[in-house]
Amino acid sequence: MQSIISSEIFVITLVAGVYLAALWLYRKTKLALLHPLLVSIPALVAVMSVIGIPYESFQQGSRMINFLLGPSVVALGYVLVEYMKSNAVSIMTSIFVGSLVGIVSVICIARWMGADHVLIATLEPKSVTTPIAMGVAEKAGGIPAIAAVIVIVVGIFGGIVGPFVLNKLNIDSKIARGLSLGAAAHGLGTARAMELGALEGAISGLAIGLMGVMTAILVPVVEWVMSLF
């Protein structure tokens, strides 16, 4: 029995089933606090505890899902290659500023609160998608596993609060809304952007990939500059 519940097929089916159930609940209630990830994560933890699936077995069984995280980021941005060519300057400027502000602000706040280098390095890639954030955090001397958790929390917060903030600031541009959600809240922000409209979702998907590349480039540069002060 243990070999069955720890198998890759069972784990993937469990993850997909729990997520689809959480998605149905979210669409039924339309409550932001019942976002599929907010519901599915504790639900999966509860199910794993009840039926006795060790975390190591779950991690091994869900390796296909982890593998698909990378290609999914590329797929989101691929459809907008032509759009990127005609608006490259404005988009890259927005991504550069968003990445720089995100990195510098978290370093300053973390230092002010007395965090050590390991925690700061873990927090720096908070606004990029999970596989990229884990790689950046590891190279910077942080803890990839904690970085993944932080990324999820930031994404959920951005997906819930982002549209409200954009509405309050009277930002009506679909491109600006999509870029901001993708740059600040990665995949979860993109999921929310897709609910706002097709263009917002597509632009947000493009922002994920660009934000990941920009953050990977800027993190070591910003760390070096800030070490001088």
Protein backbone atom coordinates (compact mmCIF):
# COMPACT_ATOMS: atom_id res chain seq x y z
CA MET A 1 0.00 0.00 0.00
CA GLN A 2 2.82 2.40 0.91
CA SER A 3 4.48 1.84 -2.44
CA ILE A 4 1.26 2.79 -4.23
CA ILE A 5 0.60 6.04 -2.37
CA SER A 6 4.24 7.05 -2.79
CA SER A 7 4.27 6.35 -6.53
CA GLU A 8 4.67 9.13 -9.08
CA ILE A 9 1.27 8.49 -10.69
CA PHE A 10 -0.53 8.67 -7.34
CA VAL A 11 1.26 11.84 -6.24
CA ILE A 12 0.62 13.66 -9.54
CA THR A 13 -3.03 12.58 -9.50
CA LEU A 14 -3.35 13.76 -5.91
CA VAL A 15 -1.82 17.18 -6.66
CA ALA A 16 -3.97 17.66 -9.78
CA GLY A 17 -7.13 16.52 -8.00
CA VAL A 18 -6.65 18.77 -4.99
CA TYR A 19 -5.83 21.77 -7.20
CA LEU A 20 -8.85 21.23 -9.46
CA ALA A 21 -11.09 20.96 -6.40
CA ALA A 22 -9.62 24.19 -5.00
CA LEU A 23 -10.05 25.88 -8.39
CA TRP A 24 -13.71 24.83 -8.50
CA LEU A 25 -14.22 26.24 -5.00
CA TYR A 26 -12.57 29.53 -5.96
CA ARG A 27 -14.66 29.93 -9.12
CA LYS A 28 -17.79 29.07 -7.19
CA THR A 29 -17.23 31.56 -4.35
CA LYS A 30 -15.14 34.26 -6.14
CA LEU A 31 -13.42 34.95 -2.79
CA ALA A 32 -9.79 36.11 -3.05
CA LEU A 33 -8.95 34.41 0.25
CA LEU A 34 -9.97 31.08 -1.32
CA HIS A 35 -7.34 31.32 -4.06
CA PRO A 36 -6.54 27.80 -5.34
CA LEU A 37 -3.01 27.89 -3.95
CA LEU A 38 -4.14 29.15 -0.55
CA VAL A 39 -6.54 26.21 -0.36
CA SER A 40 -4.60 23.45 -2.13
CA ILE A 41 -1.33 23.76 -0.18
CA PRO A 42 -2.82 23.16 3.31
CA ALA A 43 -5.19 20.59 1.81
CA LEU A 44 -2.24 18.64 0.36
CA VAL A 45 -0.39 18.84 3.68
CA ALA A 46 -3.46 17.50 5.48
CA VAL A 47 -3.95 14.63 3.03
CA MET A 48 -0.26 13.70 3.17
CA SER A 49 -0.39 13.63 6.97
CA VAL A 50 -3.52 11.48 7.06
CA ILE A 51 -2.43 8.86 4.54
CA GLY A 52 1.22 8.93 5.62
CA ILE A 53 3.16 10.19 2.59
CA PRO A 54 6.68 11.34 3.67
CA TYR A 55 7.82 14.65 2.21
CA GLU A 56 10.76 12.94 0.49
CA SER A 57 8.38 10.56 -1.30
CA PHE A 58 6.11 13.45 -2.29
CA GLN A 59 9.05 15.43 -3.64
CA GLN A 60 10.25 12.47 -5.67
CA GLY A 61 6.77 11.69 -6.96
CA SER A 62 6.11 15.29 -8.04
CA ARG A 63 9.41 15.72 -9.91
CA MET A 64 7.58 15.91 -13.24
CA ILE A 65 5.61 18.93 -12.00
CA ASN A 66 8.85 20.57 -10.85
CA PHE A 67 10.41 19.88 -14.24
CA LEU A 68 7.50 21.49 -16.09
CA LEU A 69 7.82 24.75 -14.13
CA GLY A 70 10.70 25.89 -16.33
CA PRO A 71 9.11 25.17 -19.75
CA SER A 72 5.83 26.73 -18.57
CA VAL A 73 7.58 30.06 -17.98
CA VAL A 74 9.06 29.97 -21.50
CA ALA A 75 5.68 29.04 -23.01
CA LEU A 76 3.96 32.00 -21.37
CA GLY A 77 6.33 34.49 -22.96
CA TYR A 78 6.84 32.81 -26.35
CA VAL A 79 3.56 34.02 -27.83
CA LEU A 80 4.59 37.65 -27.34
CA VAL A 81 7.95 37.64 -29.14
CA GLU A 82 6.65 39.81 -31.97
CA TYR A 83 5.03 42.24 -29.55
CA MET A 84 8.27 42.47 -27.63
CA LYS A 85 10.16 43.51 -30.76
CA SER A 86 7.98 46.57 -31.32
CA ASN A 87 7.84 47.68 -27.66
CA ALA A 88 11.23 46.50 -26.42
CA VAL A 89 12.44 49.77 -24.89
CA SER A 90 9.38 50.52 -22.75
CA ILE A 91 8.98 46.92 -21.61
CA MET A 92 12.65 46.42 -20.74
CA THR A 93 12.76 49.75 -18.89
CA SER A 94 9.74 48.73 -16.81
CA ILE A 95 11.21 45.32 -16.04
CA PHE A 96 14.60 46.81 -15.14
CA VAL A 97 13.08 49.36 -12.75
CA GLY A 98 10.74 46.76 -11.23
CA SER A 99 13.55 44.27 -10.65
CA LEU A 100 15.93 46.88 -9.24
CA VAL A 101 13.36 48.32 -6.84
CA GLY A 102 12.34 44.84 -5.71
CA ILE A 103 15.91 43.76 -4.94
CA VAL A 104 17.09 47.01 -3.32
CA SER A 105 13.96 47.44 -1.20
CA VAL A 106 14.11 43.92 0.25
CA ILE A 107 17.83 44.27 1.04
CA CYS A 108 17.28 47.61 2.79
CA ILE A 109 14.28 46.39 4.80
CA ALA A 110 16.00 43.12 5.74
CA ARG A 111 19.15 44.94 6.86
CA TRP A 112 17.10 47.42 8.86
CA MET A 113 15.39 44.52 10.65
CA GLY A 114 18.73 42.85 11.42
CA ALA A 115 18.60 39.91 8.99
CA ASP A 116 21.83 38.07 8.20
CA HIS A 117 23.30 37.55 4.72
CA VAL A 118 21.74 34.11 4.26
CA LEU A 119 18.21 35.41 4.85
CA ILE A 120 18.80 38.46 2.67
CA ALA A 121 20.09 36.28 -0.17
CA THR A 122 17.01 34.09 0.22
CA LEU A 123 14.67 37.08 0.01
CA GLU A 124 16.29 38.86 -2.95
CA PRO A 125 14.58 36.87 -5.75
CA LYS A 126 11.14 37.03 -4.07
CA SER A 127 9.37 38.42 -7.13
CA VAL A 128 10.48 35.88 -9.74
CA THR A 129 9.06 32.48 -10.54
CA THR A 130 9.99 29.54 -8.28
CA PRO A 131 12.62 27.64 -10.35
CA ILE A 132 14.53 30.84 -11.14
CA ALA A 133 14.23 32.16 -7.58
CA MET A 134 15.63 28.94 -6.14
CA GLY A 135 18.62 29.06 -8.49
CA VAL A 136 19.32 32.75 -7.82
CA ALA A 137 18.99 32.30 -4.06
CA GLU A 138 21.38 29.34 -4.07
CA LYS A 139 24.02 31.21 -6.10
CA ALA A 140 23.73 34.21 -3.77
CA GLY A 141 24.23 32.06 -0.68
CA GLY A 142 20.60 31.74 0.37
CA ILE A 143 18.36 28.76 1.07
CA PRO A 144 16.45 27.59 -2.06
CA ALA A 145 13.68 25.77 -0.15
CA ILE A 146 12.81 28.86 1.90
CA ALA A 147 13.07 31.02 -1.23
CA ALA A 148 10.40 28.83 -2.86
CA VAL A 149 8.03 29.36 0.07
CA ILE A 150 8.64 33.12 0.05
CA VAL A 151 7.97 33.27 -3.70
CA ILE A 152 4.60 31.53 -3.23
CA VAL A 153 3.60 33.88 -0.40
CA VAL A 154 4.61 36.95 -2.42
CA GLY A 155 2.74 35.65 -5.46
CA ILE A 156 -0.46 35.03 -3.52
CA PHE A 157 -0.26 38.47 -1.89
CA GLY A 158 0.44 40.17 -5.22
CA GLY A 159 -2.34 38.31 -6.99
CA ILE A 160 -4.87 39.33 -4.35
CA VAL A 161 -3.75 42.89 -3.62
CA GLY A 162 -2.27 43.87 -7.02
CA PRO A 163 -5.50 44.54 -8.96
CA PHE A 164 -6.90 46.53 -6.02
CA VAL A 165 -3.79 48.75 -5.92
CA LEU A 166 -3.84 49.24 -9.70
CA ASN A 167 -7.50 50.24 -9.57
CA LYS A 168 -6.88 52.72 -6.74
CA LEU A 169 -4.02 54.28 -8.72
CA ASN A 170 -6.30 54.54 -11.78
CA ILE A 171 -3.92 52.51 -13.94
CA ASP A 172 -6.13 51.47 -16.85
CA SER A 173 -3.51 50.42 -19.40
CA LYS A 174 -3.82 46.70 -20.02
CA ILE A 175 -0.13 46.49 -20.83
CA ALA A 176 0.89 48.27 -17.61
CA ARG A 177 -1.44 46.11 -15.54
CA GLY A 178 -0.12 42.92 -17.08
CA LEU A 179 3.53 43.93 -16.69
CA SER A 180 3.10 44.95 -13.07
CA LEU A 181 1.32 41.75 -12.04
CA GLY A 182 3.80 39.50 -13.85
CA ALA A 183 6.85 41.39 -12.60
CA ALA A 184 5.73 41.60 -8.97
CA ALA A 185 3.80 38.34 -8.50
CA HIS A 186 5.17 35.98 -11.22
CA GLY A 187 2.92 32.99 -12.08
CA LEU A 188 0.24 33.71 -9.51
CA GLY A 189 0.04 37.31 -10.65
CA THR A 190 -0.27 36.06 -14.23
CA ALA A 191 -3.13 33.77 -13.24
CA ARG A 192 -4.89 36.81 -11.79
CA ALA A 193 -4.01 38.90 -14.86
CA MET A 194 -5.62 36.28 -17.11
CA GLU A 195 -8.84 36.77 -15.18
CA LEU A 196 -8.66 40.49 -15.99
CA GLY A 197 -8.22 39.92 -19.71
CA ALA A 198 -6.36 38.05 -22.44
CA LEU A 199 -3.88 40.85 -23.16
CA GLU A 200 -3.13 41.41 -19.48
CA GLY A 201 -2.47 37.70 -19.03
CA ALA A 202 -0.24 37.46 -22.09
CA ILE A 203 1.84 40.51 -21.15
CA SER A 204 2.11 39.24 -17.58
CA GLY A 205 3.44 35.93 -18.89
CA LEU A 206 6.10 37.78 -20.85
CA ALA A 207 7.04 39.75 -17.74
CA ILE A 208 7.72 36.54 -15.79
CA GLY A 209 10.52 35.41 -18.09
CA LEU A 210 12.05 38.86 -18.45
CA MET A 211 11.89 39.50 -14.72
CA GLY A 212 13.65 36.22 -14.03
CA VAL A 213 16.52 37.02 -16.39
CA MET A 214 16.81 40.61 -15.14
CA THR A 215 16.83 39.55 -11.49
CA ALA A 216 19.47 36.89 -12.11
CA ILE A 217 21.67 39.58 -13.69
CA LEU A 218 21.02 42.34 -11.14
CA VAL A 219 21.24 40.41 -7.86
CA PRO A 220 25.06 40.01 -7.85
CA VAL A 221 25.52 43.57 -9.18
CA VAL A 222 23.26 45.11 -6.51
CA GLU A 223 24.89 43.01 -3.77
CA TRP A 224 28.34 44.27 -4.82
CA VAL A 225 27.26 47.92 -4.96
CA MET A 226 25.44 47.79 -1.61
CA SER A 227 28.40 46.06 0.04
CA LEU A 228 30.34 49.28 -0.55
CA PHE A 229 28.02 51.20 1.78
